[in-house]
């Protein structure tokens, strides 16, 4: 393998999709990623049963 030079490009990042998703997620209080939703649900369940 050759050396990778830290140059990368993301179309979503350039178009502002990532920032828009982040703003929406913070506004509604629910993560838009699957793992984020699972973590939020798990934490809610733990708090419900007083385990956290």
PDB file of N, CA and C in Angstrom:
ATOM      1  N   UNK A   1       0.840  -1.182   0.000  1.00  0.00           N
ATOM      2  CA  UNK A   1       0.000   0.000   0.000  1.00  0.00           C
ATOM      3  C   UNK A   1       0.878   1.235   0.000  1.00  0.00           C
ATOM      4  N   UNK A   2       0.401   2.244  -0.674  1.00  0.00           N
ATOM      5  CA  UNK A   2       1.142   3.499  -0.698  1.00  0.00           C
ATOM      6  C   UNK A   2       0.708   4.414   0.433  1.00  0.00           C
ATOM      7  N   UNK A   3       1.427   5.475   0.565  1.00  0.00           N
ATOM      8  CA  UNK A   3       1.110   6.448   1.612  1.00  0.00           C
ATOM      9  C   UNK A   3      -0.132   7.236   1.221  1.00  0.00           C
ATOM     10  N   UNK A   4      -1.024   7.430   2.166  1.00  0.00           N
ATOM     11  CA  UNK A   4      -2.216   8.219   1.911  1.00  0.00           C
ATOM     12  C   UNK A   4      -1.975   9.629   2.408  1.00  0.00           C
ATOM     13  N   UNK A   5      -2.283  10.584   1.598  1.00  0.00           N
ATOM     14  CA  UNK A   5      -2.079  11.989   1.971  1.00  0.00           C
ATOM     15  C   UNK A   5      -3.364  12.524   2.529  1.00  0.00           C
ATOM     16  N   UNK A   6      -3.622  13.059   3.530  1.00  0.00           N
ATOM     17  CA  UNK A   6      -4.844  13.491   4.186  1.00  0.00           C
ATOM     18  C   UNK A   6      -5.796  14.344   3.378  1.00  0.00           C
ATOM     19  N   UNK A   7      -5.907  14.066   2.099  1.00  0.00           N
ATOM     20  CA  UNK A   7      -6.822  14.842   1.257  1.00  0.00           C
ATOM     21  C   UNK A   7      -8.063  13.993   0.994  1.00  0.00           C
ATOM     22  N   UNK A   8      -9.200  14.529   1.336  1.00  0.00           N
ATOM     23  CA  UNK A   8     -10.444  13.815   1.073  1.00  0.00           C
ATOM     24  C   UNK A   8     -11.516  14.841   0.749  1.00  0.00           C
ATOM     25  N   UNK A   9     -12.585  14.376   0.142  1.00  0.00           N
ATOM     26  CA  UNK A   9     -13.669  15.260  -0.236  1.00  0.00           C
ATOM     27  C   UNK A   9     -14.986  14.565   0.045  1.00  0.00           C
ATOM     28  N   UNK A  10     -15.905  15.300   0.627  1.00  0.00           N
ATOM     29  CA  UNK A  10     -17.223  14.747   0.903  1.00  0.00           C
ATOM     30  C   UNK A  10     -18.276  15.675   0.297  1.00  0.00           C
ATOM     31  N   UNK A  11     -19.033  15.133  -0.622  1.00  0.00           N
ATOM     32  CA  UNK A  11     -20.070  15.932  -1.276  1.00  0.00           C
ATOM     33  C   UNK A  11     -21.147  16.358  -0.277  1.00  0.00           C
ATOM     34  N   UNK A  12     -21.545  15.448   0.611  1.00  0.00           N
ATOM     35  CA  UNK A  12     -22.560  15.785   1.618  1.00  0.00           C
ATOM     36  C   UNK A  12     -22.098  16.936   2.492  1.00  0.00           C
ATOM     37  N   UNK A  13     -20.806  16.880   2.890  1.00  0.00           N
ATOM     38  CA  UNK A  13     -20.248  17.922   3.732  1.00  0.00           C
ATOM     39  C   UNK A  13     -20.221  19.249   2.983  1.00  0.00           C
ATOM     40  N   UNK A  14     -19.820  19.196   1.705  1.00  0.00           N
ATOM     41  CA  UNK A  14     -19.713  20.407   0.893  1.00  0.00           C
ATOM     42  C   UNK A  14     -21.084  21.052   0.660  1.00  0.00           C
ATOM     43  N   UNK A  15     -22.111  20.235   0.526  1.00  0.00           N
ATOM     44  CA  UNK A  15     -23.458  20.764   0.269  1.00  0.00           C
ATOM     45  C   UNK A  15     -24.186  21.160   1.550  1.00  0.00           C
ATOM     46  N   UNK A  16     -23.602  20.849   2.702  1.00  0.00           N
ATOM     47  CA  UNK A  16     -24.206  21.226   3.967  1.00  0.00           C
ATOM     48  C   UNK A  16     -25.229  20.245   4.491  1.00  0.00           C
ATOM     49  N   UNK A  17     -25.261  19.055   3.927  1.00  0.00           N
ATOM     50  CA  UNK A  17     -26.233  18.053   4.369  1.00  0.00           C
ATOM     51  C   UNK A  17     -25.954  17.637   5.810  1.00  0.00           C
ATOM     52  N   UNK A  18     -24.685  17.437   6.134  1.00  0.00           N
ATOM     53  CA  UNK A  18     -24.323  17.001   7.490  1.00  0.00           C
ATOM     54  C   UNK A  18     -24.730  18.036   8.528  1.00  0.00           C
ATOM     55  N   UNK A  19     -24.473  19.302   8.230  1.00  0.00           N
ATOM     56  CA  UNK A  19     -24.822  20.374   9.172  1.00  0.00           C
ATOM     57  C   UNK A  19     -26.334  20.479   9.335  1.00  0.00           C
ATOM     58  N   UNK A  20     -27.065  20.334   8.231  1.00  0.00           N
ATOM     59  CA  UNK A  20     -28.521  20.424   8.294  1.00  0.00           C
ATOM     60  C   UNK A  20     -29.098  19.288   9.139  1.00  0.00           C
ATOM     61  N   UNK A  21     -28.567  18.066   8.956  1.00  0.00           N
ATOM     62  CA  UNK A  21     -29.043  16.938   9.748  1.00  0.00           C
ATOM     63  C   UNK A  21     -28.761  17.156  11.228  1.00  0.00           C
ATOM     64  N   UNK A  22     -27.589  17.707  11.525  1.00  0.00           N
ATOM     65  CA  UNK A  22     -27.240  17.982  12.915  1.00  0.00           C
ATOM     66  C   UNK A  22     -28.175  18.997  13.543  1.00  0.00           C
ATOM     67  N   UNK A  23     -28.510  20.038  12.805  1.00  0.00           N
ATOM     68  CA  UNK A  23     -29.417  21.076  13.320  1.00  0.00           C
ATOM     69  C   UNK A  23     -30.811  20.500  13.563  1.00  0.00           C
ATOM     70  N   UNK A  24     -31.284  19.701  12.634  1.00  0.00           N
ATOM     71  CA  UNK A  24     -32.609  19.083  12.777  1.00  0.00           C
ATOM     72  C   UNK A  24     -32.615  18.157  13.992  1.00  0.00           C
ATOM     73  N   UNK A  25     -31.572  17.358  14.107  1.00  0.00           N
ATOM     74  CA  UNK A  25     -31.470  16.410  15.211  1.00  0.00           C
ATOM     75  C   UNK A  25     -31.489  17.115  16.563  1.00  0.00           C
ATOM     76  N   UNK A  26     -30.734  18.206  16.680  1.00  0.00           N
ATOM     77  CA  UNK A  26     -30.713  18.950  17.940  1.00  0.00           C
ATOM     78  C   UNK A  26     -32.053  19.633  18.202  1.00  0.00           C
ATOM     79  N   UNK A  27     -32.717  20.107  17.145  1.00  0.00           N
ATOM     80  CA  UNK A  27     -33.985  20.812  17.319  1.00  0.00           C
ATOM     81  C   UNK A  27     -35.088  19.879  17.826  1.00  0.00           C
ATOM     82  N   UNK A  28     -35.142  18.653  17.278  1.00  0.00           N
ATOM     83  CA  UNK A  28     -36.204  17.730  17.682  1.00  0.00           C
ATOM     84  C   UNK A  28     -35.808  16.881  18.881  1.00  0.00           C
ATOM     85  N   UNK A  29     -34.504  16.857  19.185  1.00  0.00           N
ATOM     86  CA  UNK A  29     -34.042  16.113  20.351  1.00  0.00           C
ATOM     87  C   UNK A  29     -33.921  14.625  20.144  1.00  0.00           C
ATOM     88  N   UNK A  30     -33.988  14.177  18.905  1.00  0.00           N
ATOM     89  CA  UNK A  30     -33.863  12.757  18.600  1.00  0.00           C
ATOM     90  C   UNK A  30     -32.759  12.587  17.567  1.00  0.00           C
ATOM     91  N   UNK A  31     -31.759  11.755  17.841  1.00  0.00           N
ATOM     92  CA  UNK A  31     -30.688  11.537  16.877  1.00  0.00           C
ATOM     93  C   UNK A  31     -31.221  10.915  15.587  1.00  0.00           C
ATOM     94  N   UNK A  32     -30.612  11.269  14.463  1.00  0.00           N
ATOM     95  CA  UNK A  32     -31.062  10.745  13.187  1.00  0.00           C
ATOM     96  C   UNK A  32     -30.321   9.480  12.774  1.00  0.00           C
ATOM     97  N   UNK A  33     -29.260   9.125  13.476  1.00  0.00           N
ATOM     98  CA  UNK A  33     -28.541   7.903  13.141  1.00  0.00           C
ATOM     99  C   UNK A  33     -29.132   6.735  13.928  1.00  0.00           C
ATOM    100  N   UNK A  34     -28.986   5.551  13.378  1.00  0.00           N
ATOM    101  CA  UNK A  34     -29.532   4.359  14.033  1.00  0.00           C
ATOM    102  C   UNK A  34     -28.891   4.149  15.398  1.00  0.00           C
ATOM    103  N   UNK A  35     -27.567   4.237  15.456  1.00  0.00           N
ATOM    104  CA  UNK A  35     -26.892   4.012  16.739  1.00  0.00           C
ATOM    105  C   UNK A  35     -27.230   5.090  17.753  1.00  0.00           C
ATOM    106  N   UNK A  36     -27.420   6.319  17.289  1.00  0.00           N
ATOM    107  CA  UNK A  36     -27.797   7.398  18.191  1.00  0.00           C
ATOM    108  C   UNK A  36     -29.173   7.162  18.797  1.00  0.00           C
ATOM    109  N   UNK A  37     -30.099   6.704  17.977  1.00  0.00           N
ATOM    110  CA  UNK A  37     -31.446   6.401  18.482  1.00  0.00           C
ATOM    111  C   UNK A  37     -31.411   5.244  19.462  1.00  0.00           C
ATOM    112  N   UNK A  38     -30.600   4.220  19.158  1.00  0.00           N
ATOM    113  CA  UNK A  38     -30.498   3.067  20.060  1.00  0.00           C
ATOM    114  C   UNK A  38     -29.914   3.482  21.407  1.00  0.00           C
ATOM    115  N   UNK A  39     -28.899   4.331  21.398  1.00  0.00           N
ATOM    116  CA  UNK A  39     -28.303   4.801  22.644  1.00  0.00           C
ATOM    117  C   UNK A  39     -29.301   5.615  23.448  1.00  0.00           C
ATOM    118  N   UNK A  40     -30.054   6.475  22.765  1.00  0.00           N
ATOM    119  CA  UNK A  40     -31.029   7.307  23.461  1.00  0.00           C
ATOM    120  C   UNK A  40     -32.120   6.433  24.085  1.00  0.00           C
ATOM    121  N   UNK A  41     -32.593   5.456  23.351  1.00  0.00           N
ATOM    122  CA  UNK A  41     -33.626   4.551  23.858  1.00  0.00           C
ATOM    123  C   UNK A  41     -33.095   3.740  25.039  1.00  0.00           C
ATOM    124  N   UNK A  42     -31.865   3.233  24.904  1.00  0.00           N
ATOM    125  CA  UNK A  42     -31.265   2.453  25.988  1.00  0.00           C
ATOM    126  C   UNK A  42     -31.107   3.279  27.253  1.00  0.00           C
ATOM    127  N   UNK A  43     -30.649   4.523  27.110  1.00  0.00           N
ATOM    128  CA  UNK A  43     -30.495   5.395  28.276  1.00  0.00           C
ATOM    129  C   UNK A  43     -31.838   5.691  28.924  1.00  0.00           C
ATOM    130  N   UNK A  44     -32.878   5.880  28.101  1.00  0.00           N
ATOM    131  CA  UNK A  44     -34.211   6.151  28.628  1.00  0.00           C
ATOM    132  C   UNK A  44     -34.733   4.969  29.438  1.00  0.00           C
ATOM    133  N   UNK A  45     -34.504   3.763  28.928  1.00  0.00           N
ATOM    134  CA  UNK A  45     -34.952   2.561  29.625  1.00  0.00           C
ATOM    135  C   UNK A  45     -34.201   2.404  30.942  1.00  0.00           C
ATOM    136  N   UNK A  46     -32.893   2.669  30.914  1.00  0.00           N
ATOM    137  CA  UNK A  46     -32.088   2.548  32.127  1.00  0.00           C
ATOM    138  C   UNK A  46     -32.576   3.539  33.196  1.00  0.00           C
ATOM    139  N   UNK A  47     -32.877   4.750  32.790  1.00  0.00           N
ATOM    140  CA  UNK A  47     -33.375   5.766  33.732  1.00  0.00           C
ATOM    141  C   UNK A  47     -34.755   5.366  34.269  1.00  0.00           C
ATOM    142  N   UNK A  48     -35.581   4.782  33.412  1.00  0.00           N
ATOM    143  CA  UNK A  48     -36.922   4.378  33.809  1.00  0.00           C
ATOM    144  C   UNK A  48     -36.869   3.361  34.959  1.00  0.00           C
ATOM    145  N   UNK A  49     -35.931   2.436  34.875  1.00  0.00           N
ATOM    146  CA  UNK A  49     -35.808   1.413  35.902  1.00  0.00           C
ATOM    147  C   UNK A  49     -34.836   1.815  37.014  1.00  0.00           C
ATOM    148  N   UNK A  50     -34.356   3.034  36.960  1.00  0.00           N
ATOM    149  CA  UNK A  50     -33.476   3.543  38.012  1.00  0.00           C
ATOM    150  C   UNK A  50     -32.107   2.895  38.047  1.00  0.00           C
ATOM    151  N   UNK A  51     -31.634   2.442  36.898  1.00  0.00           N
ATOM    152  CA  UNK A  51     -30.332   1.779  36.847  1.00  0.00           C
ATOM    153  C   UNK A  51     -29.212   2.736  36.493  1.00  0.00           C
ATOM    154  N   UNK A  52     -29.548   3.960  36.255  1.00  0.00           N
ATOM    155  CA  UNK A  52     -28.520   4.920  35.879  1.00  0.00           C
ATOM    156  C   UNK A  52     -28.694   6.199  36.631  1.00  0.00           C
TER     157      UNK A  52
END
